[in-house]
C-alpha atoms as a PDB file:
ATOM      1  CA  MET A   1     -57.361 -29.841  -5.052  1.00  0.00           C
ATOM      2  CA  ARG A   2     -60.800 -29.639  -3.553  1.00  0.00           C
ATOM      3  CA  VAL A   3     -60.854 -30.102   0.225  1.00  0.00           C
ATOM      4  CA  THR A   4     -64.039 -31.610   1.587  1.00  0.00           C
ATOM      5  CA  ASN A   5     -65.385 -31.937   5.088  1.00  0.00           C
ATOM      6  CA  ARG A   6     -64.781 -35.683   4.892  1.00  0.00           C
ATOM      7  CA  MET A   7     -61.092 -35.141   4.162  1.00  0.00           C
ATOM      8  CA  MET A   8     -60.789 -32.709   7.057  1.00  0.00           C
ATOM      9  CA  ASN A   9     -62.529 -35.140   9.392  1.00  0.00           C
ATOM     10  CA  ASN A  10     -60.293 -38.033   8.311  1.00  0.00           C
ATOM     11  CA  THR A  11     -57.159 -35.937   8.748  1.00  0.00           C
ATOM     12  CA  LEU A  12     -58.319 -34.857  12.190  1.00  0.00           C
ATOM     13  CA  LEU A  13     -58.987 -38.453  13.273  1.00  0.00           C
ATOM     14  CA  LEU A  14     -55.592 -39.554  11.898  1.00  0.00           C
ATOM     15  CA  ASN A  15     -53.767 -36.898  13.883  1.00  0.00           C
ATOM     16  CA  LEU A  16     -55.774 -37.682  17.009  1.00  0.00           C
ATOM     17  CA  ASN A  17     -54.882 -41.390  16.691  1.00  0.00           C
ATOM     18  CA  ARG A  18     -51.211 -40.519  16.263  1.00  0.00           C
ATOM     19  CA  GLY A  19     -51.370 -38.414  19.408  1.00  0.00           C
ATOM     20  CA  LEU A  20     -53.012 -41.260  21.298  1.00  0.00           C
ATOM     21  CA  ALA A  21     -50.303 -43.648  20.046  1.00  0.00           C
ATOM     22  CA  ARG A  22     -47.601 -41.311  21.400  1.00  0.00           C
ATOM     23  CA  LEU A  23     -49.427 -41.091  24.735  1.00  0.00           C
ATOM     24  CA  GLU A  24     -49.715 -44.888  24.845  1.00  0.00           C
ATOM     25  CA  ARG A  25     -45.976 -45.253  24.114  1.00  0.00           C
ATOM     26  CA  ILE A  26     -44.994 -42.888  26.937  1.00  0.00           C
ATOM     27  CA  ASN A  27     -47.443 -44.494  29.365  1.00  0.00           C
ATOM     28  CA  ASN A  28     -46.005 -47.894  28.477  1.00  0.00           C
ATOM     29  CA  GLN A  29     -42.477 -46.624  29.102  1.00  0.00           C
ATOM     30  CA  LEU A  30     -43.491 -45.253  32.493  1.00  0.00           C
ATOM     31  CA  GLY A  31     -45.146 -48.566  33.358  1.00  0.00           C
ATOM     32  CA  THR A  32     -42.190 -50.748  32.353  1.00  0.00           C
ATOM     33  CA  LYS A  33     -39.472 -48.246  33.418  1.00  0.00           C
ATOM     34  CA  LYS A  34     -37.721 -48.880  30.097  1.00  0.00           C
ATOM     35  CA  LYS A  35     -37.205 -46.694  27.069  1.00  0.00           C
ATOM     36  CA  ILE A  36     -37.305 -49.627  24.657  1.00  0.00           C
ATOM     37  CA  ASN A  37     -39.954 -52.324  24.997  1.00  0.00           C
ATOM     38  CA  ARG A  38     -40.065 -53.632  21.417  1.00  0.00           C
ATOM     39  CA  PRO A  39     -37.331 -54.004  18.809  1.00  0.00           C
ATOM     40  CA  SER A  40     -39.251 -51.606  16.589  1.00  0.00           C
ATOM     41  CA  ASP A  41     -38.797 -48.834  19.164  1.00  0.00           C
ATOM     42  CA  ASP A  42     -35.082 -48.578  18.270  1.00  0.00           C
ATOM     43  CA  PRO A  43     -33.508 -51.469  16.307  1.00  0.00           C
ATOM     44  CA  VAL A  44     -29.931 -50.253  16.864  1.00  0.00           C
ATOM     45  CA  LYS A  45     -30.268 -49.877  20.631  1.00  0.00           C
ATOM     46  CA  THR A  46     -32.170 -53.164  20.787  1.00  0.00           C
ATOM     47  CA  GLY A  47     -29.082 -54.950  19.450  1.00  0.00           C
ATOM     48  CA  VAL A  48     -26.856 -53.244  22.026  1.00  0.00           C
ATOM     49  CA  ILE A  49     -29.280 -54.134  24.824  1.00  0.00           C
ATOM     50  CA  LEU A  50     -29.488 -57.783  23.803  1.00  0.00           C
ATOM     51  CA  ARG A  51     -25.710 -58.150  23.573  1.00  0.00           C
ATOM     52  CA  THR A  52     -25.171 -56.393  26.893  1.00  0.00           C
ATOM     53  CA  SER A  53     -27.865 -58.477  28.616  1.00  0.00           C
ATOM     54  CA  THR A  54     -26.241 -61.664  27.324  1.00  0.00           C
ATOM     55  CA  SER A  55     -22.850 -60.523  28.616  1.00  0.00           C
ATOM     56  CA  ILE A  56     -24.350 -59.754  32.035  1.00  0.00           C
ATOM     57  CA  ARG A  57     -25.905 -63.225  32.274  1.00  0.00           C
ATOM     58  CA  GLU A  58     -22.584 -64.824  31.311  1.00  0.00           C
ATOM     59  CA  THR A  59     -20.757 -62.733  33.899  1.00  0.00           C
ATOM     60  CA  GLU A  60     -23.276 -63.729  36.576  1.00  0.00           C
ATOM     61  CA  GLN A  61     -22.655 -67.399  35.749  1.00  0.00           C
ATOM     62  CA  TYR A  62     -18.897 -66.906  36.051  1.00  0.00           C
ATOM     63  CA  ILE A  63     -19.428 -65.228  39.416  1.00  0.00           C
ATOM     64  CA  ARG A  64     -21.482 -68.223  40.569  1.00  0.00           C
ATOM     65  CA  ASN A  65     -18.686 -70.532  39.367  1.00  0.00           C
ATOM     66  CA  LEU A  66     -16.139 -68.468  41.270  1.00  0.00           C
ATOM     67  CA  ASP A  67     -18.261 -68.539  44.419  1.00  0.00           C
ATOM     68  CA  ALA A  68     -18.455 -72.337  44.160  1.00  0.00           C
ATOM     69  CA  ALA A  69     -14.694 -72.526  43.615  1.00  0.00           C
ATOM     70  CA  VAL A  70     -14.023 -70.317  46.640  1.00  0.00           C
ATOM     71  CA  SER A  71     -16.326 -72.456  48.771  1.00  0.00           C
ATOM     72  CA  TRP A  72     -14.620 -75.682  47.648  1.00  0.00           C
ATOM     73  CA  LEU A  73     -11.104 -74.314  48.199  1.00  0.00           C
ATOM     74  CA  ASP A  74     -12.006 -72.925  51.627  1.00  0.00           C
ATOM     75  CA  ALA A  75     -13.461 -76.277  52.688  1.00  0.00           C
ATOM     76  CA  ALA A  76     -10.338 -78.144  51.544  1.00  0.00           C
ATOM     77  CA  ASP A  77      -8.109 -75.623  53.301  1.00  0.00           C
ATOM     78  CA  VAL A  78      -9.938 -76.088  56.609  1.00  0.00           C
ATOM     79  CA  ILE A  79      -9.573 -79.869  56.358  1.00  0.00           C
ATOM     80  CA  LEU A  80      -5.853 -79.691  55.586  1.00  0.00           C
ATOM     81  CA  GLN A  81      -5.315 -77.335  58.513  1.00  0.00           C
ATOM     82  CA  ASP A  82      -6.932 -79.991  60.724  1.00  0.00           C
ATOM     83  CA  VAL A  83      -4.625 -82.610  59.191  1.00  0.00           C
ATOM     84  CA  VAL A  84      -1.643 -80.454  60.157  1.00  0.00           C
ATOM     85  CA  SER A  85      -2.952 -80.390  63.732  1.00  0.00           C
ATOM     86  CA  VAL A  86      -3.208 -84.195  63.694  1.00  0.00           C
ATOM     87  CA  ILE A  87       0.406 -84.535  62.523  1.00  0.00           C
ATOM     88  CA  HIS A  88       1.694 -82.064  65.104  1.00  0.00           C
ATOM     89  CA  ARG A  89      -0.070 -83.957  67.870  1.00  0.00           C
ATOM     90  CA  ALA A  90       1.241 -87.254  66.531  1.00  0.00           C
ATOM     91  CA  LYS A  91       4.787 -85.857  66.595  1.00  0.00           C
ATOM     92  CA  GLU A  92       4.339 -84.771  70.224  1.00  0.00           C
ATOM     93  CA  LEU A  93       3.162 -88.252  71.140  1.00  0.00           C
ATOM     94  CA  ALA A  94       5.988 -89.802  69.141  1.00  0.00           C
ATOM     95  CA  VAL A  95       8.571 -87.743  71.024  1.00  0.00           C
ATOM     96  CA  ALA A  96       6.967 -88.696  74.324  1.00  0.00           C
ATOM     97  CA  GLY A  97       6.859 -92.357  73.298  1.00  0.00           C
ATOM     98  CA  ALA A  98      10.540 -92.389  72.366  1.00  0.00           C
ATOM     99  CA  SER A  99      11.458 -92.389  76.052  1.00  0.00           C
ATOM    100  CA  THR A 100      12.636 -95.757  77.377  1.00  0.00           C
ATOM    101  CA  HIS A 101      11.445 -94.878  80.892  1.00  0.00           C
ATOM    102  CA  LEU A 102       7.708 -95.212  80.111  1.00  0.00           C
ATOM    103  CA  ASP A 103       5.889 -98.124  81.646  1.00  0.00           C
ATOM    104  CA  GLU A 104       3.441-100.266  79.703  1.00  0.00           C
ATOM    105  CA  THR A 105       0.399 -98.317  80.916  1.00  0.00           C
ATOM    106  CA  ALA A 106       1.813 -94.977  79.786  1.00  0.00           C
ATOM    107  CA  ARG A 107       2.812 -96.388  76.419  1.00  0.00           C
ATOM    108  CA  GLN A 108      -0.642 -97.886  75.952  1.00  0.00           C
ATOM    109  CA  ALA A 109      -2.227 -94.502  76.747  1.00  0.00           C
ATOM    110  CA  LEU A 110      -0.100 -92.881  74.050  1.00  0.00           C
ATOM    111  CA  ALA A 111      -0.990 -95.676  71.628  1.00  0.00           C
ATOM    112  CA  ASP A 112      -4.704 -95.217  72.334  1.00  0.00           C
ATOM    113  CA  GLU A 113      -4.451 -91.536  71.470  1.00  0.00           C
ATOM    114  CA  ILE A 114      -2.572 -92.402  68.276  1.00  0.00           C
ATOM    115  CA  ALA A 115      -5.461 -94.719  67.354  1.00  0.00           C
ATOM    116  CA  GLN A 116      -7.892 -91.851  67.899  1.00  0.00           C
ATOM    117  CA  LEU A 117      -5.750 -89.598  65.716  1.00  0.00           C
ATOM    118  CA  HIS A 118      -5.799 -92.276  63.036  1.00  0.00           C
ATOM    119  CA  ASP A 119      -9.596 -92.440  63.184  1.00  0.00           C
ATOM    120  CA  ASN A 120      -9.783 -88.642  63.079  1.00  0.00           C
ATOM    121  CA  LEU A 121      -7.508 -88.567  60.035  1.00  0.00           C
ATOM    122  CA  LEU A 122      -9.703 -91.137  58.293  1.00  0.00           C
ATOM    123  CA  GLN A 123     -12.727 -88.963  58.993  1.00  0.00           C
ATOM    124  CA  LEU A 124     -10.931 -85.910  57.585  1.00  0.00           C
ATOM    125  CA  ALA A 125      -9.866 -87.843  54.473  1.00  0.00           C
ATOM    126  CA  ASN A 126     -13.527 -88.754  53.874  1.00  0.00           C
ATOM    127  CA  SER A 127     -14.786 -85.202  54.420  1.00  0.00           C
ATOM    128  CA  THR A 128     -17.666 -83.922  52.325  1.00  0.00           C
ATOM    129  CA  HIS A 129     -18.674 -80.476  51.122  1.00  0.00           C
ATOM    130  CA  GLY A 130     -22.240 -79.954  50.033  1.00  0.00           C
ATOM    131  CA  GLY A 131     -22.793 -83.719  50.027  1.00  0.00           C
ATOM    132  CA  ARG A 132     -19.740 -84.371  47.808  1.00  0.00           C
ATOM    133  CA  TYR A 133     -16.493 -85.987  48.910  1.00  0.00           C
ATOM    134  CA  LEU A 134     -13.631 -83.505  48.801  1.00  0.00           C
ATOM    135  CA  PHE A 135     -10.789 -85.906  48.093  1.00  0.00           C
ATOM    136  CA  ALA A 136     -12.362 -88.389  45.660  1.00  0.00           C
ATOM    137  CA  GLY A 137     -11.479 -86.626  42.430  1.00  0.00           C
ATOM    138  CA  GLN A 138     -14.411 -86.475  40.035  1.00  0.00           C
ATOM    139  CA  HIS A 139     -16.096 -89.432  41.793  1.00  0.00           C
ATOM    140  CA  THR A 140     -17.544 -87.135  44.421  1.00  0.00           C
ATOM    141  CA  ASP A 141     -20.379 -89.545  45.242  1.00  0.00           C
ATOM    142  CA  LYS A 142     -18.036 -92.313  46.432  1.00  0.00           C
ATOM    143  CA  LYS A 143     -16.221 -92.493  49.771  1.00  0.00           C
ATOM    144  CA  PRO A 144     -12.493 -92.479  48.938  1.00  0.00           C
ATOM    145  CA  PHE A 145     -10.931 -94.180  51.990  1.00  0.00           C
ATOM    146  CA  SER A 146     -11.898 -97.269  53.937  1.00  0.00           C
ATOM    147  CA  GLY A 147     -10.394 -99.375  56.711  1.00  0.00           C
ATOM    148  CA  GLY A 148      -8.788 -98.328  59.976  1.00  0.00           C
ATOM    149  CA  GLY A 149      -9.736 -99.368  63.457  1.00  0.00           C
ATOM    150  CA  VAL A 150      -7.682-101.332  65.960  1.00  0.00           C
ATOM    151  CA  THR A 151      -7.459-105.112  65.853  1.00  0.00           C
ATOM    152  CA  GLY A 152      -5.265-106.715  68.482  1.00  0.00           C
ATOM    153  CA  ASP A 153      -1.989-104.832  68.686  1.00  0.00           C
ATOM    154  CA  ARG A 154      -2.178-103.044  65.321  1.00  0.00           C
ATOM    155  CA  ILE A 155      -4.206-100.510  63.394  1.00  0.00           C
ATOM    156  CA  ASN A 156      -5.860-101.968  60.317  1.00  0.00           C
ATOM    157  CA  ASP A 157      -4.701-100.839  56.888  1.00  0.00           C
ATOM    158  CA  VAL A 158      -6.468 -97.982  55.115  1.00  0.00           C
ATOM    159  CA  THR A 159      -7.322 -98.456  51.447  1.00  0.00           C
ATOM    160  CA  PHE A 160      -8.015 -95.894  48.773  1.00  0.00           C
ATOM    161  CA  LEU A 161     -11.154 -97.241  47.107  1.00  0.00           C
ATOM    162  CA  MET A 162     -10.710 -95.767  43.652  1.00  0.00           C
ATOM    163  CA  SER A 163      -8.244 -95.793  40.814  1.00  0.00           C
ATOM    164  CA  LEU A 164      -7.984 -92.239  39.542  1.00  0.00           C
ATOM    165  CA  THR A 165      -5.954 -91.424  36.464  1.00  0.00           C
ATOM    166  CA  GLY A 166      -5.332 -88.279  34.472  1.00  0.00           C
ATOM    167  CA  ASP A 167      -8.163 -85.758  34.530  1.00  0.00           C
ATOM    168  CA  GLU A 168     -10.222 -87.903  36.927  1.00  0.00           C
ATOM    169  CA  THR A 169      -8.267 -86.337  39.777  1.00  0.00           C
ATOM    170  CA  LYS A 170      -9.373 -82.833  38.763  1.00  0.00           C
ATOM    171  CA  ILE A 171     -12.471 -80.808  39.548  1.00  0.00           C
ATOM    172  CA  GLU A 172     -12.438 -77.735  37.341  1.00  0.00           C
ATOM    173  CA  PHE A 173     -14.517 -74.573  37.293  1.00  0.00           C
ATOM    174  CA  GLU A 174     -14.676 -72.184  34.347  1.00  0.00           C
ATOM    175  CA  ILE A 175     -13.889 -68.771  35.815  1.00  0.00           C
ATOM    176  CA  ALA A 176     -13.617 -66.771  32.569  1.00  0.00           C
ATOM    177  CA  PRO A 177     -14.195 -67.414  28.868  1.00  0.00           C
ATOM    178  CA  GLY A 178     -11.976 -70.377  28.016  1.00  0.00           C
ATOM    179  CA  ILE A 179     -10.202 -70.306  31.414  1.00  0.00           C
ATOM    180  CA  THR A 180     -10.633 -73.045  34.024  1.00  0.00           C
ATOM    181  CA  ILE A 181      -9.073 -73.682  37.416  1.00  0.00           C
ATOM    182  CA  ASP A 182      -8.542 -77.005  39.167  1.00  0.00           C
ATOM    183  CA  VAL A 183      -9.841 -76.698  42.732  1.00  0.00           C
ATOM    184  CA  ASN A 184      -9.415 -80.304  43.800  1.00  0.00           C
ATOM    185  CA  VAL A 185      -6.600 -81.579  46.029  1.00  0.00           C
ATOM    186  CA  ASN A 186      -4.860 -84.518  44.401  1.00  0.00           C
ATOM    187  CA  VAL A 187      -4.443 -86.961  47.277  1.00  0.00           C
ATOM    188  CA  ILE A 188      -3.055 -89.790  45.146  1.00  0.00           C
ATOM    189  CA  SER A 189       0.415 -88.632  44.192  1.00  0.00           C
ATOM    190  CA  TYR A 190       2.484 -85.512  43.664  1.00  0.00           C
ATOM    191  CA  ASN A 191       4.174 -87.017  40.618  1.00  0.00           C
ATOM    192  CA  PRO A 192       2.337 -89.096  37.979  1.00  0.00           C
ATOM    193  CA  ASP A 193       5.231 -91.568  38.055  1.00  0.00           C
ATOM    194  CA  ASP A 194       5.017 -92.100  41.805  1.00  0.00           C
ATOM    195  CA  ASN A 195       3.372 -95.031  43.532  1.00  0.00           C
ATOM    196  CA  PRO A 196      -0.360 -94.234  43.940  1.00  0.00           C
ATOM    197  CA  GLN A 197      -0.051 -95.160  47.623  1.00  0.00           C
ATOM    198  CA  GLU A 198       2.531 -92.382  48.140  1.00  0.00           C
ATOM    199  CA  GLY A 199       0.061 -89.540  48.007  1.00  0.00           C
ATOM    200  CA  LEU A 200      -1.201 -87.102  50.619  1.00  0.00           C
ATOM    201  CA  PHE A 201      -2.990 -89.200  53.225  1.00  0.00           C
ATOM    202  CA  MET A 202      -1.512 -92.673  52.829  1.00  0.00           C
ATOM    203  CA  PRO A 203       1.949 -91.787  54.236  1.00  0.00           C
ATOM    204  CA  ILE A 204       0.285 -90.295  57.317  1.00  0.00           C
ATOM    205  CA  PHE A 205      -1.900 -93.362  57.802  1.00  0.00           C
ATOM    206  CA  ASN A 206       1.149 -95.588  57.477  1.00  0.00           C
ATOM    207  CA  ALA A 207       3.210 -93.473  59.892  1.00  0.00           C
ATOM    208  CA  LEU A 208       0.451 -93.516  62.523  1.00  0.00           C
ATOM    209  CA  GLN A 209       0.002 -97.245  62.027  1.00  0.00           C
ATOM    210  CA  GLU A 210       3.726 -97.811  62.515  1.00  0.00           C
ATOM    211  CA  LEU A 211       3.837 -95.482  65.509  1.00  0.00           C
ATOM    212  CA  TYR A 212       0.988 -97.357  67.166  1.00  0.00           C
ATOM    213  CA  GLY A 213       2.756-100.652  66.629  1.00  0.00           C
ATOM    214  CA  GLU A 214       5.983 -99.350  68.126  1.00  0.00           C
ATOM    215  CA  LEU A 215       4.187 -97.992  71.196  1.00  0.00           C
ATOM    216  CA  VAL A 216       2.427-101.279  71.975  1.00  0.00           C
ATOM    217  CA  ASP A 217       5.625-103.276  71.286  1.00  0.00           C
ATOM    218  CA  ASP A 218       6.834-105.098  74.384  1.00  0.00           C
ATOM    219  CA  THR A 219      10.550-104.738  73.589  1.00  0.00           C
ATOM    220  CA  GLY A 220      10.732-101.300  75.186  1.00  0.00           C
ATOM    221  CA  ASP A 221      13.001-100.035  72.401  1.00  0.00           C
ATOM    222  CA  PRO A 222      10.650 -98.107  70.114  1.00  0.00           C
ATOM    223  CA  ASP A 223      11.678 -97.083  66.606  1.00  0.00           C
ATOM    224  CA  ILE A 224       9.600 -93.917  66.290  1.00  0.00           C
ATOM    225  CA  PRO A 225       8.878 -92.840  62.644  1.00  0.00           C
ATOM    226  CA  LEU A 226       9.476 -89.115  63.175  1.00  0.00           C
ATOM    227  CA  GLN A 227      11.005 -88.664  59.736  1.00  0.00           C
ATOM    228  CA  ASP A 228       7.893 -90.067  58.079  1.00  0.00           C
ATOM    229  CA  LEU A 229       5.738 -87.640  60.023  1.00  0.00           C
ATOM    230  CA  ASP A 230       8.017 -84.743  59.054  1.00  0.00           C
ATOM    231  CA  ASN A 231       7.819 -85.705  55.382  1.00  0.00           C
ATOM    232  CA  SER A 232       4.047 -86.005  55.605  1.00  0.00           C
ATOM    233  CA  LEU A 233       3.850 -82.599  57.251  1.00  0.00           C
ATOM    234  CA  ASP A 234       5.904 -81.077  54.432  1.00  0.00           C
ATOM    235  CA  ASN A 235       3.552 -82.644  51.874  1.00  0.00           C
ATOM    236  CA  VAL A 236       0.452 -81.258  53.583  1.00  0.00           C
ATOM    237  CA  LEU A 237       1.978 -77.787  53.940  1.00  0.00           C
ATOM    238  CA  ARG A 238       2.855 -77.858  50.237  1.00  0.00           C
ATOM    239  CA  LYS A 239      -0.772 -78.604  49.409  1.00  0.00           C
ATOM    240  CA  ILE A 240      -1.961 -75.814  51.707  1.00  0.00           C
ATOM    241  CA  SER A 241       0.410 -73.441  49.918  1.00  0.00           C
ATOM    242  CA  GLU A 242      -1.019 -74.507  46.543  1.00  0.00           C
ATOM    243  CA  LEU A 243      -4.537 -73.979  47.829  1.00  0.00           C
ATOM    244  CA  GLY A 244      -3.597 -70.505  49.072  1.00  0.00           C
ATOM    245  CA  GLY A 245      -2.331 -69.551  45.632  1.00  0.00           C
ATOM    246  CA  LYS A 246      -5.529 -70.798  44.019  1.00  0.00           C
ATOM    247  CA  GLN A 247      -7.647 -68.951  46.587  1.00  0.00           C
ATOM    248  CA  ASN A 248      -5.857 -65.680  45.804  1.00  0.00           C
ATOM    249  CA  ARG A 249      -6.286 -66.242  42.071  1.00  0.00           C
ATOM    250  CA  VAL A 250      -9.984 -66.987  42.431  1.00  0.00           C
ATOM    251  CA  GLU A 251     -10.564 -63.949  44.647  1.00  0.00           C
ATOM    252  CA  LEU A 252      -8.863 -61.688  42.107  1.00  0.00           C
ATOM    253  CA  ALA A 253     -10.899 -63.223  39.280  1.00  0.00           C
ATOM    254  CA  ARG A 254     -14.088 -62.716  41.282  1.00  0.00           C
ATOM    255  CA  GLU A 255     -13.308 -59.045  41.921  1.00  0.00           C
ATOM    256  CA  ARG A 256     -12.610 -58.576  38.213  1.00  0.00           C
ATOM    257  CA  MET A 257     -15.922 -60.205  37.287  1.00  0.00           C
ATOM    258  CA  LEU A 258     -17.802 -58.048  39.787  1.00  0.00           C
ATOM    259  CA  ASP A 259     -16.241 -54.934  38.266  1.00  0.00           C
ATOM    260  CA  LEU A 260     -17.170 -56.144  34.788  1.00  0.00           C
ATOM    261  CA  GLN A 261     -20.727 -56.853  35.916  1.00  0.00           C
ATOM    262  CA  LEU A 262     -21.010 -53.341  37.348  1.00  0.00           C
ATOM    263  CA  ASN A 263     -19.700 -51.805  34.126  1.00  0.00           C
ATOM    264  CA  LEU A 264     -22.066 -53.841  31.930  1.00  0.00           C
ATOM    265  CA  THR A 265     -25.006 -52.997  34.180  1.00  0.00           C
ATOM    266  CA  ARG A 266     -24.186 -49.304  33.863  1.00  0.00           C
ATOM    267  CA  ILE A 267     -24.059 -49.586  30.069  1.00  0.00           C
ATOM    268  CA  LEU A 268     -27.389 -51.443  30.015  1.00  0.00           C
ATOM    269  CA  SER A 269     -28.953 -48.832  32.272  1.00  0.00           C
ATOM    270  CA  GLU A 270     -27.817 -46.012  29.998  1.00  0.00           C
ATOM    271  CA  GLU A 271     -29.294 -47.720  26.947  1.00  0.00           C
ATOM    272  CA  GLN A 272     -32.491 -49.093  28.452  1.00  0.00           C
ATOM    273  CA  ASP A 273     -33.562 -47.355  31.669  1.00  0.00           C
ATOM    274  CA  LEU A 274     -36.066 -44.533  31.429  1.00  0.00           C
ATOM    275  CA  ASP A 275     -35.346 -40.932  32.380  1.00  0.00           C
ATOM    276  CA  TYR A 276     -38.445 -40.235  34.476  1.00  0.00           C
ATOM    277  CA  ALA A 277     -38.156 -36.436  34.409  1.00  0.00           C
ATOM    278  CA  GLU A 278     -37.851 -36.379  30.644  1.00  0.00           C
ATOM    279  CA  ALA A 279     -40.637 -38.945  30.184  1.00  0.00           C
ATOM    280  CA  ILE A 280     -43.079 -37.060  32.432  1.00  0.00           C
ATOM    281  CA  MET A 281     -42.295 -33.790  30.685  1.00  0.00           C
ATOM    282  CA  GLU A 282     -42.905 -35.441  27.311  1.00  0.00           C
ATOM    283  CA  LEU A 283     -46.140 -36.952  28.631  1.00  0.00           C
ATOM    284  CA  LYS A 284     -47.430 -33.540  29.724  1.00  0.00           C
ATOM    285  CA  MET A 285     -46.550 -32.064  26.332  1.00  0.00           C
ATOM    286  CA  GLU A 286     -48.360 -34.829  24.478  1.00  0.00           C
ATOM    287  CA  GLU A 287     -51.395 -34.480  26.766  1.00  0.00           C
ATOM    288  CA  PHE A 288     -51.497 -30.735  26.062  1.00  0.00           C
ATOM    289  CA  ALA A 289     -51.133 -31.330  22.324  1.00  0.00           C
ATOM    290  CA  TYR A 290     -53.886 -33.968  22.353  1.00  0.00           C
ATOM    291  CA  ARG A 291     -56.296 -31.753  24.280  1.00  0.00           C
ATOM    292  CA  THR A 292     -55.523 -28.870  21.952  1.00  0.00           C
ATOM    293  CA  ALA A 293     -56.194 -31.080  18.942  1.00  0.00           C
ATOM    294  CA  LEU A 294     -59.551 -32.095  20.421  1.00  0.00           C
ATOM    295  CA  ALA A 295     -60.489 -28.452  20.976  1.00  0.00           C
ATOM    296  CA  VAL A 296     -59.475 -27.505  17.437  1.00  0.00           C
ATOM    297  CA  GLY A 297     -61.296 -30.535  16.052  1.00  0.00           C
ATOM    298  CA  ALA A 298     -64.487 -29.428  17.730  1.00  0.00           C
ATOM    299  CA  ARG A 299     -64.318 -26.226  15.688  1.00  0.00           C
ATOM    300  CA  ILE A 300     -63.400 -27.952  12.427  1.00  0.00           C
ATOM    301  CA  ILE A 301     -66.234 -30.452  12.513  1.00  0.00           C
ATOM    302  CA  GLN A 302     -69.155 -28.037  11.913  1.00  0.00           C
ATOM    303  CA  PRO A 303     -72.754 -29.036  11.159  1.00  0.00           C
ATOM    304  CA  SER A 304     -73.262 -29.963   7.527  1.00  0.00           C
ATOM    305  CA  LEU A 305     -76.349 -29.598   5.271  1.00  0.00           C
ATOM    306  CA  VAL A 306     -77.342 -33.146   6.121  1.00  0.00           C
ATOM    307  CA  ASP A 307     -77.612 -32.206   9.799  1.00  0.00           C
ATOM    308  CA  PHE A 308     -80.133 -29.539   8.928  1.00  0.00           C
ATOM    309  CA  LEU A 309     -82.171 -31.977   6.767  1.00  0.00           C
ATOM    310  CA  ARG A 310     -82.723 -34.477   9.616  1.00  0.00           C
END
């Protein structure tokens, strides 16, 4: 085969362009800090990177769900601890009010504090977290309890403003693929067959209402509802125990998701992140090869007959 100057020149330019393409690829890698910037760079690794990136984003969403669940459970736990304090104080006042030696002024002072405890309990029952009512089931934009206040010699009834059934009492967060956890406190009833009024807060409201009435009674022979307060306290402590179990479960799930996120990030880094030392070494080699090719090309492209005829 006859080799002409034109063929040599074309081959030289082709090799020079290939060298420039390799330099451009390495420079692009150094600029983006990634080994693979296009699927054509490595189709197999591209698939691994895409799947791993998707898994990382899913894990991050689960972590956000778990953080929201922890926040909701912690808020409910704080409120229920305050409810326990209200019941304990009500029991102290009930024991003090059971004495037949109190005069009317002392009994009225105890009754006034019971009324304040009732108002405080109503405020706790209508607590919000992030602008959402904690104890309203899925209707977090509606205040669950209404009523209260003293009229004459009695505390007004408290009413639960909603009718929650089935899943409406639940607020669930997905904490893993296909796994959800109910973080809401069901304040309606502990048993679906129970009376809706026999839930978490209503027995306490009723006990405080009855206690107030007994303290302002003029007969001087109060019938203090200590048993009702004890039962209510047991109910609240049971709910706190349930919340504690859920908090532990959520914390463990969160730690597991953080470990998974770390592992996936490490895998993604191994597949995608650039080894700077190797990339710089390769860049220097390609620069040397390109400069060498230019120097050799200057010797290959010699003046032709046409140059002498100009």
